[in-house]
């Protein structure tokens, strides 16, 4: 690990270790009734998976939020409170911030406003303005930066994260926000990475899954096609040895000619490496982040 990174990492980890679990403080508790009304009776579903459903909410004061339902109702109350507290400590510009929670009929987490909805909506909805190539690159590097924070600047590293176009939210400047992160196992302990640590840059089996998801996401950004439709052709195409011969046919038509071919080929090269990495990748998320910094120009967007 670079000396500069270690220099800033150690005091951050020391601070994190001092933050012990306790009562849920400074995190707003919402009433179940208010959340039910704000989600139109839990009908405004954004996406759902094995962990539960996620909804869009519009509160009476005009505030908009994302509501995530925790499906495990057998989870003890103290375990849920612990997860709320741990999620409340995550602060990164590319991670959706926790605003509050609700407990009662359902166990719900309330996250920040999502002005531009999900990435999936922008890739699949023909009524939306297509995302430019520059914004797609901005989204890619934003997700990688969030993963760097979760894996490198948390102790223990947080690797239980789902990465796909449905749960990547976009703010008013189209900055990517990861929204599906879990910190606790069913018994209330941190989800820990066995036999590894942040200092090893996360290259074990657990991170293999993250890196694979990252590769699929990059592929979606280039092609505009959703991997959630079970389209195995996308994966097979990127794994071919001569993808350049068919590359023009796979690029999202919405991009037209307004993209940098060198940057696009670089993103496809990373996607291919990620998808073919298997359970034991030979490179880390940090190395992907550095690669983007060297090969791809990402302009600074307003905060």
Protein backbone atom coordinates (compact mmCIF):
# COMPACT_ATOMS: atom_id res chain seq x y z
CA UNK A 1 0.00 0.00 0.00
CA UNK A 2 1.29 3.49 -0.83
CA UNK A 3 2.86 5.42 2.04
CA UNK A 4 0.55 8.39 1.46
CA UNK A 5 -2.54 6.20 1.69
CA UNK A 6 -1.28 4.51 4.86
CA UNK A 7 -0.54 7.92 6.39
CA UNK A 8 -4.17 9.02 6.11
CA UNK A 9 -5.70 5.58 6.65
CA UNK A 10 -4.26 4.87 10.12
CA UNK A 11 -5.76 7.90 11.92
CA UNK A 12 -9.09 7.28 10.18
CA UNK A 13 -9.16 3.65 11.35
CA UNK A 14 -8.20 4.73 14.87
CA UNK A 15 -11.20 7.07 14.90
CA UNK A 16 -13.50 4.33 13.61
CA UNK A 17 -12.35 1.93 16.35
CA UNK A 18 -13.29 4.49 19.00
CA UNK A 19 -16.86 4.62 17.66
CA UNK A 20 -18.41 1.74 19.59
CA UNK A 21 -22.02 0.60 19.07
CA UNK A 22 -24.54 2.12 21.44
CA UNK A 23 -28.00 3.72 21.39
CA UNK A 24 -29.14 5.15 18.06
CA UNK A 25 -28.25 8.83 18.38
CA UNK A 26 -28.82 11.79 16.03
CA UNK A 27 -30.70 9.65 13.50
CA UNK A 28 -34.35 10.55 13.03
CA UNK A 29 -37.04 7.99 13.74
CA UNK A 30 -39.91 8.16 11.26
CA UNK A 31 -43.40 6.87 12.03
CA UNK A 32 -44.60 3.86 10.06
CA UNK A 33 -47.77 5.79 9.21
CA UNK A 34 -45.84 8.66 7.63
CA UNK A 35 -43.68 6.33 5.55
CA UNK A 36 -46.68 4.31 4.37
CA UNK A 37 -48.38 7.50 3.23
CA UNK A 38 -45.20 8.82 1.58
CA UNK A 39 -44.73 5.60 -0.45
CA UNK A 40 -48.40 5.44 -1.50
CA UNK A 41 -48.98 2.35 0.60
CA UNK A 42 -45.60 0.88 -0.39
CA UNK A 43 -46.58 0.85 -4.07
CA UNK A 44 -43.74 3.06 -5.40
CA UNK A 45 -41.23 0.28 -5.76
CA UNK A 46 -37.83 1.21 -7.21
CA UNK A 47 -36.29 -2.27 -7.03
CA UNK A 48 -36.46 -5.44 -4.95
CA UNK A 49 -34.11 -8.30 -4.16
CA UNK A 50 -33.67 -11.09 -1.61
CA UNK A 51 -32.96 -8.54 1.14
CA UNK A 52 -36.24 -6.68 0.65
CA UNK A 53 -37.85 -3.96 -1.44
CA UNK A 54 -36.81 -0.33 -1.95
CA UNK A 55 -39.37 2.44 -2.43
CA UNK A 56 -39.53 6.08 -3.45
CA UNK A 57 -41.16 8.32 -0.83
CA UNK A 58 -42.68 11.79 -1.07
CA UNK A 59 -43.37 13.31 2.33
CA UNK A 60 -45.93 15.99 3.14
CA UNK A 61 -43.26 18.68 3.45
CA UNK A 62 -42.17 18.03 -0.14
CA UNK A 63 -39.12 15.99 0.81
CA UNK A 64 -38.21 13.01 -1.37
CA UNK A 65 -36.38 9.99 -0.02
CA UNK A 66 -35.51 6.37 -0.71
CA UNK A 67 -36.97 3.82 1.70
CA UNK A 68 -35.30 0.44 2.07
CA UNK A 69 -37.23 -2.39 3.72
CA UNK A 70 -35.31 -4.95 5.79
CA UNK A 71 -36.98 -8.26 5.01
CA UNK A 72 -35.57 -10.23 7.98
CA UNK A 73 -38.30 -9.66 10.58
CA UNK A 74 -36.73 -12.31 12.82
CA UNK A 75 -33.74 -10.04 13.30
CA UNK A 76 -33.57 -8.84 16.92
CA UNK A 77 -34.38 -5.19 17.52
CA UNK A 78 -30.93 -4.46 18.92
CA UNK A 79 -29.34 -5.93 15.79
CA UNK A 80 -31.42 -3.58 13.63
CA UNK A 81 -30.45 -0.60 15.81
CA UNK A 82 -26.82 -1.59 15.45
CA UNK A 83 -27.11 -1.65 11.67
CA UNK A 84 -28.75 1.79 11.71
CA UNK A 85 -25.90 3.16 13.78
CA UNK A 86 -23.21 1.64 11.58
CA UNK A 87 -24.83 2.83 8.34
CA UNK A 88 -25.16 6.28 9.88
CA UNK A 89 -21.37 6.46 10.20
CA UNK A 90 -20.74 6.03 6.49
CA UNK A 91 -19.99 9.40 4.91
CA UNK A 92 -18.90 9.53 1.29
CA UNK A 93 -20.12 11.59 -1.66
CA UNK A 94 -20.85 8.41 -3.63
CA UNK A 95 -22.78 6.57 -0.90
CA UNK A 96 -26.42 7.38 -0.22
CA UNK A 97 -26.59 8.95 3.23
CA UNK A 98 -28.88 7.52 5.92
CA UNK A 99 -31.48 10.04 7.14
CA UNK A 100 -33.50 7.92 9.52
CA UNK A 101 -35.30 4.69 10.28
CA UNK A 102 -38.63 3.20 11.32
CA UNK A 103 -39.43 0.09 13.32
CA UNK A 104 -42.82 -1.49 13.89
CA UNK A 105 -44.90 -3.24 11.24
CA UNK A 106 -41.84 -3.09 8.99
CA UNK A 107 -38.18 -2.33 9.60
CA UNK A 108 -37.30 0.52 7.30
CA UNK A 109 -34.25 2.63 6.52
CA UNK A 110 -34.72 6.15 5.16
CA UNK A 111 -32.02 7.46 2.82
CA UNK A 112 -31.30 10.79 1.16
CA UNK A 113 -33.11 12.40 -1.72
CA UNK A 114 -32.67 10.84 -5.19
CA UNK A 115 -33.34 13.66 -7.63
CA UNK A 116 -32.52 11.74 -10.81
CA UNK A 117 -33.68 8.25 -9.83
CA UNK A 118 -31.70 5.12 -10.63
CA UNK A 119 -29.12 4.46 -13.33
CA UNK A 120 -31.37 1.72 -14.71
CA UNK A 121 -34.15 4.23 -15.37
CA UNK A 122 -31.80 6.40 -17.44
CA UNK A 123 -30.43 3.47 -19.44
CA UNK A 124 -33.78 1.80 -20.16
CA UNK A 125 -36.40 4.56 -20.26
CA UNK A 126 -36.71 5.92 -23.85
CA UNK A 127 -38.47 9.04 -22.52
CA UNK A 128 -35.42 10.17 -20.54
CA UNK A 129 -32.59 12.19 -22.02
CA UNK A 130 -29.74 9.73 -22.80
CA UNK A 131 -26.71 9.88 -20.51
CA UNK A 132 -23.67 11.40 -22.18
CA UNK A 133 -20.39 9.52 -22.38
CA UNK A 134 -18.82 11.94 -19.86
CA UNK A 135 -21.59 11.29 -17.33
CA UNK A 136 -21.22 7.52 -17.79
CA UNK A 137 -17.52 7.75 -17.02
CA UNK A 138 -18.33 9.96 -14.04
CA UNK A 139 -20.70 7.25 -12.76
CA UNK A 140 -18.12 4.50 -13.25
CA UNK A 141 -15.36 6.26 -11.34
CA UNK A 142 -17.82 7.35 -8.64
CA UNK A 143 -18.79 3.74 -7.92
CA UNK A 144 -15.12 2.70 -7.81
CA UNK A 145 -14.37 5.58 -5.40
CA UNK A 146 -17.21 4.45 -3.10
CA UNK A 147 -15.87 0.89 -3.10
CA UNK A 148 -12.38 2.17 -2.31
CA UNK A 149 -13.83 3.92 0.75
CA UNK A 150 -15.79 0.85 1.90
CA UNK A 151 -12.88 -1.57 1.47
CA UNK A 152 -9.91 0.59 2.39
CA UNK A 153 -11.11 3.16 4.91
CA UNK A 154 -13.37 1.03 7.11
CA UNK A 155 -12.25 -1.42 9.77
CA UNK A 156 -13.28 -4.12 9.19
CA UNK A 157 -13.70 -3.63 5.41
CA UNK A 158 -17.29 -3.54 4.17
CA UNK A 159 -17.65 -5.87 1.21
CA UNK A 160 -21.33 -6.83 1.40
CA UNK A 161 -22.53 -4.44 -1.29
CA UNK A 162 -24.71 -4.94 -4.34
CA UNK A 163 -23.67 -3.12 -7.52
CA UNK A 164 -26.13 -2.89 -10.38
CA UNK A 165 -27.99 -0.23 -12.32
CA UNK A 166 -31.15 -0.58 -10.18
CA UNK A 167 -29.53 0.39 -6.90
CA UNK A 168 -27.09 3.02 -8.17
CA UNK A 169 -28.89 6.32 -7.60
CA UNK A 170 -28.07 9.60 -9.33
CA UNK A 171 -28.16 13.01 -7.66
CA UNK A 172 -28.88 16.36 -9.30
CA UNK A 173 -25.38 16.42 -10.83
CA UNK A 174 -25.59 12.75 -11.92
CA UNK A 175 -23.09 11.68 -9.27
CA UNK A 176 -23.48 7.96 -8.53
CA UNK A 177 -24.68 6.94 -5.06
CA UNK A 178 -24.46 3.33 -3.86
CA UNK A 179 -27.66 2.44 -2.03
CA UNK A 180 -27.47 -1.28 -1.20
CA UNK A 181 -24.88 -1.81 1.54
CA UNK A 182 -25.12 -4.23 4.44
CA UNK A 183 -22.82 -4.16 7.45
CA UNK A 184 -24.19 -6.89 9.69
CA UNK A 185 -24.60 -10.63 9.59
CA UNK A 186 -27.77 -12.28 10.90
CA UNK A 187 -26.35 -12.51 14.43
CA UNK A 188 -25.57 -8.80 14.58
CA UNK A 189 -21.83 -8.97 14.04
CA UNK A 190 -19.93 -6.99 11.45
CA UNK A 191 -19.84 -8.77 8.10
CA UNK A 192 -16.14 -9.52 8.16
CA UNK A 193 -13.72 -10.63 5.51
CA UNK A 194 -12.07 -13.85 6.75
CA UNK A 195 -8.29 -14.20 6.58
CA UNK A 196 -7.73 -10.79 5.04
CA UNK A 197 -7.62 -7.12 5.85
CA UNK A 198 -7.74 -3.74 4.20
CA UNK A 199 -3.97 -3.69 3.98
CA UNK A 200 -4.09 -6.47 1.41
CA UNK A 201 -6.13 -4.26 -0.90
CA UNK A 202 -8.97 -6.81 -0.90
CA UNK A 203 -8.20 -9.44 -3.52
CA UNK A 204 -9.89 -12.50 -1.97
CA UNK A 205 -13.03 -14.41 -2.93
CA UNK A 206 -15.34 -11.84 -1.32
CA UNK A 207 -13.87 -9.04 -3.41
CA UNK A 208 -13.98 -11.27 -6.48
CA UNK A 209 -17.76 -10.94 -6.38
CA UNK A 210 -17.53 -7.15 -6.08
CA UNK A 211 -15.07 -6.90 -8.96
CA UNK A 212 -17.27 -9.12 -11.15
CA UNK A 213 -20.30 -6.88 -10.46
CA UNK A 214 -18.17 -3.86 -11.28
CA UNK A 215 -17.26 -5.35 -14.66
CA UNK A 216 -20.92 -6.00 -15.49
CA UNK A 217 -21.77 -2.41 -14.54
CA UNK A 218 -19.09 -1.05 -16.88
CA UNK A 219 -20.53 -3.22 -19.63
CA UNK A 220 -24.00 -1.78 -19.01
CA UNK A 221 -22.64 1.76 -19.22
CA UNK A 222 -21.08 1.06 -22.62
CA UNK A 223 -23.93 -0.95 -24.16
CA UNK A 224 -26.96 0.60 -22.45
CA UNK A 225 -28.28 -2.92 -21.92
CA UNK A 226 -29.37 -4.19 -18.53
CA UNK A 227 -27.69 -7.31 -17.17
CA UNK A 228 -30.75 -7.91 -14.96
CA UNK A 229 -32.67 -9.20 -17.95
CA UNK A 230 -30.54 -12.33 -17.82
CA UNK A 231 -28.84 -11.46 -21.09
CA UNK A 232 -25.93 -13.91 -21.07
CA UNK A 233 -24.94 -12.71 -24.55
CA UNK A 234 -23.41 -9.59 -23.01
CA UNK A 235 -21.13 -11.62 -20.77
CA UNK A 236 -20.20 -14.01 -23.56
CA UNK A 237 -19.41 -11.11 -25.88
CA UNK A 238 -17.01 -9.39 -23.48
CA UNK A 239 -15.23 -12.69 -22.86
CA UNK A 240 -14.48 -13.18 -26.57
CA UNK A 241 -10.88 -12.71 -27.63
CA UNK A 242 -11.78 -10.40 -30.54
CA UNK A 243 -14.37 -8.01 -29.15
CA UNK A 244 -12.99 -5.09 -31.20
CA UNK A 245 -14.38 -6.62 -34.38
CA UNK A 246 -17.93 -6.37 -33.04
CA UNK A 247 -17.53 -3.41 -30.68
CA UNK A 248 -19.36 -0.91 -32.90
CA UNK A 249 -22.46 -3.11 -32.88
CA UNK A 250 -22.56 -3.30 -29.07
CA UNK A 251 -22.12 0.39 -28.20
CA UNK A 252 -25.30 2.07 -26.95
CA UNK A 253 -26.88 3.79 -29.99
CA UNK A 254 -27.90 6.67 -27.71
CA UNK A 255 -24.23 7.66 -27.51
CA UNK A 256 -24.08 8.34 -31.23
CA UNK A 257 -20.53 9.41 -32.06
CA UNK A 258 -20.11 11.59 -28.97
CA UNK A 259 -17.59 9.46 -27.11
CA UNK A 260 -13.83 9.08 -26.92
CA UNK A 261 -12.97 5.72 -28.52
CA UNK A 262 -9.77 5.44 -26.48
CA UNK A 263 -11.68 5.88 -23.23
CA UNK A 264 -14.39 3.48 -24.33
CA UNK A 265 -11.84 0.80 -25.18
CA UNK A 266 -10.16 1.36 -21.81
CA UNK A 267 -13.48 0.88 -19.98
CA UNK A 268 -14.22 -2.27 -21.99
CA UNK A 269 -10.74 -3.62 -21.21
CA UNK A 270 -11.35 -3.14 -17.48
CA UNK A 271 -14.81 -4.73 -17.79
CA UNK A 272 -13.33 -7.78 -19.49
CA UNK A 273 -10.67 -8.16 -16.78
CA UNK A 274 -13.25 -7.80 -14.00
CA UNK A 275 -15.73 -10.31 -15.46
CA UNK A 276 -12.97 -12.83 -16.18
CA UNK A 277 -11.27 -12.42 -12.79
CA UNK A 278 -13.09 -15.30 -11.07
CA UNK A 279 -13.06 -15.86 -7.30
CA UNK A 280 -9.43 -14.80 -6.86
CA UNK A 281 -8.73 -11.59 -8.79
CA UNK A 282 -5.10 -10.60 -9.20
CA UNK A 283 -5.90 -6.90 -8.94
CA UNK A 284 -7.80 -4.75 -6.48
CA UNK A 285 -10.46 -2.04 -6.53
CA UNK A 286 -7.72 0.45 -5.61
CA UNK A 287 -5.76 -0.55 -8.74
CA UNK A 288 -8.88 -0.05 -10.87
CA UNK A 289 -9.28 3.41 -9.33
CA UNK A 290 -5.67 4.29 -10.16
CA UNK A 291 -6.10 2.99 -13.70
CA UNK A 292 -9.05 5.33 -14.25
CA UNK A 293 -7.08 8.26 -12.88
CA UNK A 294 -4.31 7.62 -15.41
CA UNK A 295 -6.30 6.58 -18.48
CA UNK A 296 -9.57 8.48 -18.26
CA UNK A 297 -10.20 12.19 -17.80
CA UNK A 298 -13.06 12.80 -15.38
CA UNK A 299 -13.92 16.48 -14.92
CA UNK A 300 -14.74 17.77 -11.44
CA UNK A 301 -18.46 18.32 -11.01
CA UNK A 302 -19.97 20.94 -8.69
CA UNK A 303 -20.69 19.72 -5.17
